[in-house]
């Protein structure tokens, strides 16, 4: 997955998460929710990076699925921070949209790899 748009997008998103969390902690002195967001939001890219060195297709799919779960969790923390007044709509909307775009890319990637694996498995049984 080197030079992967998904990996690049998730890394940029992680950097935006770091900046956002730093800003919320600085202005609002909130750390419980932002620590959770920081963990899940940066984990997406970390799992994609780790997937490059997967020990086979099953491990690769597993890393992508973990990244997908972290993406869903990140959406939750963003929503909670927004709904509790720690984020403005102008911060929340672009982050939510970016997270959603990454999630959709992950879903498509997972489905593609699974379909390819099924095709390979059916070819082997012939």
N, C-alpha and C. Protein backbone atom coordinates (compact mmCIF):
# COMPACT_ATOMS: atom_id res chain seq x y z
N UNK A 1 0.81 -1.19 0.00
CA UNK A 1 0.00 0.00 0.00
C UNK A 1 0.86 1.26 0.00
N UNK A 2 2.08 1.15 -0.48
CA UNK A 2 2.89 2.37 -0.54
C UNK A 2 2.30 3.30 -1.59
N UNK A 3 2.45 4.60 -1.38
CA UNK A 3 1.85 5.62 -2.24
C UNK A 3 0.34 5.43 -2.36
N UNK A 4 -0.26 5.05 -1.28
CA UNK A 4 -1.69 4.79 -1.24
C UNK A 4 -2.45 6.07 -0.89
N UNK A 5 -3.43 6.44 -1.71
CA UNK A 5 -4.25 7.61 -1.36
C UNK A 5 -4.93 7.44 0.01
N UNK A 6 -5.36 6.24 0.33
CA UNK A 6 -6.00 5.99 1.62
C UNK A 6 -5.02 6.20 2.77
N UNK A 7 -3.83 5.68 2.62
CA UNK A 7 -2.82 5.87 3.67
C UNK A 7 -2.46 7.35 3.82
N UNK A 8 -2.28 8.03 2.69
CA UNK A 8 -1.96 9.46 2.73
C UNK A 8 -3.08 10.26 3.38
N UNK A 9 -4.31 9.96 3.01
CA UNK A 9 -5.47 10.66 3.55
C UNK A 9 -5.60 10.42 5.05
N UNK A 10 -5.36 9.19 5.49
CA UNK A 10 -5.48 8.89 6.92
C UNK A 10 -4.36 9.55 7.73
N UNK A 11 -3.19 9.71 7.14
CA UNK A 11 -2.10 10.39 7.84
C UNK A 11 -2.40 11.89 7.98
N UNK A 12 -2.90 12.49 6.91
CA UNK A 12 -3.29 13.90 6.99
C UNK A 12 -4.40 14.10 8.01
N UNK A 13 -5.34 13.17 8.03
CA UNK A 13 -6.43 13.24 8.99
C UNK A 13 -5.89 13.13 10.41
N UNK A 14 -4.94 12.24 10.63
CA UNK A 14 -4.33 12.09 11.95
C UNK A 14 -3.67 13.39 12.40
N UNK A 15 -3.01 14.06 11.47
CA UNK A 15 -2.37 15.34 11.82
C UNK A 15 -3.43 16.38 12.20
N UNK A 16 -4.54 16.38 11.47
CA UNK A 16 -5.63 17.31 11.80
C UNK A 16 -6.22 16.99 13.18
N UNK A 17 -6.31 15.72 13.51
CA UNK A 17 -6.81 15.29 14.82
C UNK A 17 -5.87 15.79 15.93
N UNK A 18 -4.57 15.64 15.71
CA UNK A 18 -3.59 16.09 16.71
C UNK A 18 -3.75 17.60 16.96
N UNK A 19 -3.86 18.37 15.89
CA UNK A 19 -4.01 19.82 16.01
C UNK A 19 -5.33 20.16 16.72
N UNK A 20 -6.40 19.51 16.33
CA UNK A 20 -7.70 19.75 16.94
C UNK A 20 -7.68 19.44 18.44
N UNK A 21 -7.12 18.30 18.81
CA UNK A 21 -7.07 17.92 20.22
C UNK A 21 -6.21 18.89 21.03
N UNK A 22 -5.11 19.31 20.45
CA UNK A 22 -4.25 20.29 21.11
C UNK A 22 -5.02 21.59 21.35
N UNK A 23 -5.78 22.00 20.35
CA UNK A 23 -6.57 23.23 20.44
C UNK A 23 -7.67 23.11 21.51
N UNK A 24 -8.40 22.02 21.51
CA UNK A 24 -9.46 21.83 22.50
C UNK A 24 -8.89 21.77 23.90
N UNK A 25 -7.78 21.05 24.07
CA UNK A 25 -7.15 20.97 25.40
C UNK A 25 -6.68 22.34 25.86
N UNK A 26 -6.17 23.13 24.95
CA UNK A 26 -5.64 24.44 25.28
C UNK A 26 -6.75 25.42 25.68
N UNK A 27 -7.82 25.47 24.89
CA UNK A 27 -8.88 26.45 25.12
C UNK A 27 -9.91 26.00 26.16
N UNK A 28 -10.18 24.71 26.20
CA UNK A 28 -11.27 24.23 27.06
C UNK A 28 -10.80 23.41 28.25
N UNK A 29 -9.52 23.11 28.30
CA UNK A 29 -8.96 22.29 29.39
C UNK A 29 -9.66 20.93 29.49
N UNK A 30 -10.11 20.41 28.37
CA UNK A 30 -10.78 19.11 28.32
C UNK A 30 -9.77 18.07 27.87
N UNK A 31 -9.65 16.96 28.59
CA UNK A 31 -8.68 15.96 28.17
C UNK A 31 -9.25 14.56 28.04
N UNK A 32 -10.33 14.23 28.71
CA UNK A 32 -10.86 12.86 28.66
C UNK A 32 -11.34 12.52 27.25
N UNK A 33 -12.22 13.34 26.71
CA UNK A 33 -12.75 13.08 25.37
C UNK A 33 -11.69 13.26 24.29
N UNK A 34 -10.87 14.29 24.44
CA UNK A 34 -9.84 14.54 23.42
C UNK A 34 -8.79 13.44 23.40
N UNK A 35 -8.47 12.86 24.56
CA UNK A 35 -7.51 11.75 24.58
C UNK A 35 -8.08 10.55 23.83
N UNK A 36 -9.38 10.31 23.98
CA UNK A 36 -10.02 9.21 23.25
C UNK A 36 -10.00 9.48 21.74
N UNK A 37 -10.32 10.71 21.36
CA UNK A 37 -10.30 11.10 19.95
C UNK A 37 -8.89 10.99 19.38
N UNK A 38 -7.93 11.44 20.13
CA UNK A 38 -6.54 11.38 19.69
C UNK A 38 -6.10 9.93 19.45
N UNK A 39 -6.48 9.06 20.36
CA UNK A 39 -6.12 7.65 20.23
C UNK A 39 -6.77 7.01 19.00
N UNK A 40 -8.08 7.17 18.86
CA UNK A 40 -8.77 6.51 17.75
C UNK A 40 -8.46 7.17 16.40
N UNK A 41 -8.38 8.50 16.40
CA UNK A 41 -8.14 9.22 15.14
C UNK A 41 -6.77 8.99 14.54
N UNK A 42 -5.77 8.75 15.39
CA UNK A 42 -4.43 8.47 14.88
C UNK A 42 -4.23 6.98 14.62
N UNK A 43 -5.06 6.16 15.24
CA UNK A 43 -4.95 4.71 15.08
C UNK A 43 -5.36 4.25 13.67
N UNK A 44 -6.21 5.00 13.03
CA UNK A 44 -6.64 4.64 11.68
C UNK A 44 -5.42 4.51 10.77
N UNK A 45 -4.64 5.57 10.70
CA UNK A 45 -3.45 5.56 9.86
C UNK A 45 -2.39 4.59 10.33
N UNK A 46 -2.27 4.43 11.63
CA UNK A 46 -1.27 3.49 12.16
C UNK A 46 -1.59 2.06 11.72
N UNK A 47 -2.86 1.70 11.73
CA UNK A 47 -3.24 0.36 11.30
C UNK A 47 -3.06 0.18 9.80
N UNK A 48 -3.32 1.23 9.04
CA UNK A 48 -3.08 1.15 7.59
C UNK A 48 -1.59 1.02 7.29
N UNK A 49 -0.78 1.74 8.05
CA UNK A 49 0.66 1.64 7.87
C UNK A 49 1.13 0.22 8.21
N UNK A 50 0.61 -0.30 9.30
CA UNK A 50 0.98 -1.65 9.71
C UNK A 50 0.51 -2.70 8.70
N UNK A 51 -0.61 -2.45 8.04
CA UNK A 51 -1.15 -3.39 7.05
C UNK A 51 -0.18 -3.65 5.90
N UNK A 52 0.69 -2.68 5.62
CA UNK A 52 1.69 -2.86 4.55
C UNK A 52 2.55 -4.09 4.79
N UNK A 53 2.73 -4.41 6.07
CA UNK A 53 3.63 -5.50 6.44
C UNK A 53 2.87 -6.68 6.99
N UNK A 54 1.63 -6.84 6.53
CA UNK A 54 0.78 -7.93 6.99
C UNK A 54 1.38 -9.28 6.61
N UNK A 55 1.07 -10.27 7.44
CA UNK A 55 1.55 -11.63 7.20
C UNK A 55 0.49 -12.41 6.44
N UNK A 56 0.18 -11.96 5.26
CA UNK A 56 -0.81 -12.64 4.44
C UNK A 56 -2.09 -11.83 4.31
N UNK A 57 -2.98 -12.34 3.48
CA UNK A 57 -4.22 -11.63 3.17
C UNK A 57 -5.14 -11.50 4.38
N UNK A 58 -5.25 -12.57 5.18
CA UNK A 58 -6.12 -12.52 6.36
C UNK A 58 -5.67 -11.42 7.32
N UNK A 59 -4.38 -11.34 7.55
CA UNK A 59 -3.82 -10.32 8.44
C UNK A 59 -4.04 -8.93 7.85
N UNK A 60 -3.88 -8.80 6.55
CA UNK A 60 -4.09 -7.53 5.86
C UNK A 60 -5.53 -7.05 6.04
N UNK A 61 -6.48 -7.95 5.80
CA UNK A 61 -7.89 -7.62 5.97
C UNK A 61 -8.17 -7.25 7.42
N UNK A 62 -7.58 -7.98 8.34
CA UNK A 62 -7.79 -7.69 9.76
C UNK A 62 -7.34 -6.28 10.12
N UNK A 63 -6.18 -5.87 9.62
CA UNK A 63 -5.68 -4.51 9.89
C UNK A 63 -6.61 -3.46 9.31
N UNK A 64 -7.12 -3.71 8.10
CA UNK A 64 -8.06 -2.76 7.49
C UNK A 64 -9.35 -2.69 8.30
N UNK A 65 -9.81 -3.83 8.79
CA UNK A 65 -11.04 -3.84 9.58
C UNK A 65 -10.85 -3.14 10.93
N UNK A 66 -9.67 -3.28 11.51
CA UNK A 66 -9.38 -2.54 12.75
C UNK A 66 -9.38 -1.04 12.46
N UNK A 67 -8.77 -0.64 11.36
CA UNK A 67 -8.77 0.78 10.97
C UNK A 67 -10.20 1.28 10.78
N UNK A 68 -11.04 0.44 10.20
CA UNK A 68 -12.44 0.81 9.99
C UNK A 68 -13.16 1.01 11.34
N UNK A 69 -12.92 0.12 12.28
CA UNK A 69 -13.52 0.26 13.61
C UNK A 69 -13.05 1.54 14.29
N UNK A 70 -11.77 1.84 14.16
CA UNK A 70 -11.23 3.07 14.74
C UNK A 70 -11.86 4.30 14.09
N UNK A 71 -12.16 4.18 12.82
CA UNK A 71 -12.80 5.28 12.09
C UNK A 71 -14.21 5.52 12.64
N UNK A 72 -14.95 4.45 12.86
CA UNK A 72 -16.29 4.59 13.44
C UNK A 72 -16.20 5.20 14.84
N UNK A 73 -15.22 4.75 15.62
CA UNK A 73 -15.05 5.30 16.96
C UNK A 73 -14.70 6.78 16.90
N UNK A 74 -13.86 7.16 15.97
CA UNK A 74 -13.47 8.56 15.80
C UNK A 74 -14.69 9.42 15.48
N UNK A 75 -15.56 8.92 14.62
CA UNK A 75 -16.79 9.65 14.30
C UNK A 75 -17.61 9.89 15.57
N UNK A 76 -17.65 8.91 16.44
CA UNK A 76 -18.39 9.04 17.70
C UNK A 76 -17.81 10.15 18.57
N UNK A 77 -16.49 10.14 18.76
CA UNK A 77 -15.86 11.15 19.62
C UNK A 77 -16.01 12.55 19.04
N UNK A 78 -15.89 12.68 17.72
CA UNK A 78 -16.10 13.97 17.08
C UNK A 78 -17.52 14.47 17.34
N UNK A 79 -18.48 13.58 17.15
CA UNK A 79 -19.88 13.94 17.38
C UNK A 79 -20.12 14.35 18.83
N UNK A 80 -19.56 13.61 19.75
CA UNK A 80 -19.72 13.92 21.17
C UNK A 80 -19.10 15.26 21.53
N UNK A 81 -17.91 15.52 21.03
CA UNK A 81 -17.26 16.81 21.28
C UNK A 81 -18.07 17.97 20.69
N UNK A 82 -18.63 17.75 19.52
CA UNK A 82 -19.46 18.78 18.90
C UNK A 82 -20.74 19.01 19.70
N UNK A 83 -21.42 17.93 20.05
CA UNK A 83 -22.70 18.05 20.74
C UNK A 83 -22.57 18.57 22.17
N UNK A 84 -21.38 18.51 22.73
CA UNK A 84 -21.17 19.04 24.09
C UNK A 84 -20.53 20.42 24.09
N UNK A 85 -20.38 21.00 22.90
CA UNK A 85 -19.93 22.38 22.80
C UNK A 85 -18.42 22.59 22.77
N UNK A 86 -17.65 21.51 22.65
CA UNK A 86 -16.19 21.67 22.59
C UNK A 86 -15.70 21.97 21.17
N UNK A 87 -16.53 21.69 20.17
CA UNK A 87 -16.18 21.96 18.78
C UNK A 87 -17.27 22.82 18.15
N UNK A 88 -16.86 23.76 17.33
CA UNK A 88 -17.81 24.55 16.55
C UNK A 88 -18.22 23.75 15.32
N UNK A 89 -19.36 24.11 14.76
CA UNK A 89 -19.85 23.47 13.53
C UNK A 89 -18.80 23.57 12.42
N UNK A 90 -18.10 24.72 12.37
CA UNK A 90 -17.08 24.94 11.32
C UNK A 90 -15.89 24.00 11.47
N UNK A 91 -15.64 23.49 12.67
CA UNK A 91 -14.59 22.50 12.89
C UNK A 91 -15.13 21.09 12.66
N UNK A 92 -16.32 20.87 13.18
CA UNK A 92 -16.91 19.53 13.18
C UNK A 92 -17.23 19.01 11.78
N UNK A 93 -17.92 19.80 10.99
CA UNK A 93 -18.37 19.33 9.66
C UNK A 93 -17.24 18.83 8.77
N UNK A 94 -16.16 19.60 8.59
CA UNK A 94 -15.09 19.10 7.72
C UNK A 94 -14.42 17.83 8.27
N UNK A 95 -14.27 17.77 9.61
CA UNK A 95 -13.64 16.58 10.22
C UNK A 95 -14.55 15.37 10.05
N UNK A 96 -15.84 15.56 10.26
CA UNK A 96 -16.81 14.47 10.09
C UNK A 96 -16.81 13.98 8.64
N UNK A 97 -16.79 14.93 7.70
CA UNK A 97 -16.79 14.57 6.28
C UNK A 97 -15.52 13.82 5.90
N UNK A 98 -14.40 14.27 6.41
CA UNK A 98 -13.11 13.62 6.11
C UNK A 98 -13.09 12.20 6.68
N UNK A 99 -13.56 12.07 7.91
CA UNK A 99 -13.61 10.76 8.55
C UNK A 99 -14.55 9.83 7.76
N UNK A 100 -15.68 10.35 7.32
CA UNK A 100 -16.61 9.57 6.51
C UNK A 100 -16.00 9.13 5.19
N UNK A 101 -15.24 10.00 4.57
CA UNK A 101 -14.58 9.66 3.30
C UNK A 101 -13.56 8.54 3.51
N UNK A 102 -12.81 8.63 4.59
CA UNK A 102 -11.83 7.57 4.90
C UNK A 102 -12.55 6.26 5.17
N UNK A 103 -13.64 6.31 5.92
CA UNK A 103 -14.42 5.11 6.22
C UNK A 103 -14.92 4.45 4.94
N UNK A 104 -15.45 5.26 4.03
CA UNK A 104 -15.94 4.70 2.77
C UNK A 104 -14.80 4.08 1.95
N UNK A 105 -13.64 4.71 1.96
CA UNK A 105 -12.48 4.14 1.26
C UNK A 105 -12.05 2.82 1.90
N UNK A 106 -12.11 2.77 3.22
CA UNK A 106 -11.77 1.53 3.92
C UNK A 106 -12.74 0.41 3.56
N UNK A 107 -14.02 0.72 3.57
CA UNK A 107 -15.04 -0.28 3.23
C UNK A 107 -14.80 -0.80 1.82
N UNK A 108 -14.55 0.10 0.88
CA UNK A 108 -14.30 -0.31 -0.51
C UNK A 108 -13.04 -1.17 -0.60
N UNK A 109 -12.00 -0.79 0.12
CA UNK A 109 -10.74 -1.57 0.09
C UNK A 109 -10.94 -2.96 0.68
N UNK A 110 -11.64 -3.04 1.78
CA UNK A 110 -11.90 -4.33 2.42
C UNK A 110 -12.70 -5.22 1.48
N UNK A 111 -13.75 -4.66 0.88
CA UNK A 111 -14.57 -5.45 -0.04
C UNK A 111 -13.77 -5.93 -1.24
N UNK A 112 -12.91 -5.07 -1.77
CA UNK A 112 -12.08 -5.44 -2.92
C UNK A 112 -11.14 -6.59 -2.57
N UNK A 113 -10.47 -6.50 -1.43
CA UNK A 113 -9.52 -7.54 -1.03
C UNK A 113 -10.26 -8.85 -0.76
N UNK A 114 -11.41 -8.78 -0.12
CA UNK A 114 -12.20 -9.99 0.16
C UNK A 114 -12.68 -10.65 -1.13
N UNK A 115 -13.14 -9.84 -2.09
CA UNK A 115 -13.59 -10.39 -3.37
C UNK A 115 -12.44 -11.05 -4.11
N UNK A 116 -11.28 -10.40 -4.10
CA UNK A 116 -10.10 -10.96 -4.76
C UNK A 116 -9.70 -12.27 -4.10
N UNK A 117 -9.76 -12.31 -2.77
CA UNK A 117 -9.40 -13.54 -2.05
C UNK A 117 -10.38 -14.66 -2.40
N UNK A 118 -11.67 -14.35 -2.50
CA UNK A 118 -12.67 -15.35 -2.87
C UNK A 118 -12.41 -15.88 -4.28
N UNK A 119 -12.07 -14.97 -5.19
CA UNK A 119 -11.78 -15.39 -6.56
C UNK A 119 -10.55 -16.29 -6.59
N UNK A 120 -9.53 -15.92 -5.83
CA UNK A 120 -8.31 -16.73 -5.77
C UNK A 120 -8.60 -18.10 -5.17
N UNK A 121 -9.42 -18.12 -4.11
CA UNK A 121 -9.76 -19.39 -3.47
C UNK A 121 -10.58 -20.29 -4.39
N UNK A 122 -11.52 -19.70 -5.13
CA UNK A 122 -12.35 -20.50 -6.04
C UNK A 122 -11.52 -21.01 -7.21
N UNK A 123 -10.52 -20.22 -7.63
CA UNK A 123 -9.64 -20.65 -8.71
C UNK A 123 -8.78 -21.84 -8.25
N UNK A 124 -8.33 -21.81 -6.98
CA UNK A 124 -7.49 -22.89 -6.45
C UNK A 124 -8.24 -24.20 -6.32
N UNK A 125 -9.56 -24.16 -6.12
CA UNK A 125 -10.34 -25.37 -5.91
C UNK A 125 -10.80 -26.00 -7.21
N UNK A 126 -10.47 -25.40 -8.31
CA UNK A 126 -10.86 -25.97 -9.61
C UNK A 126 -9.96 -27.08 -10.01
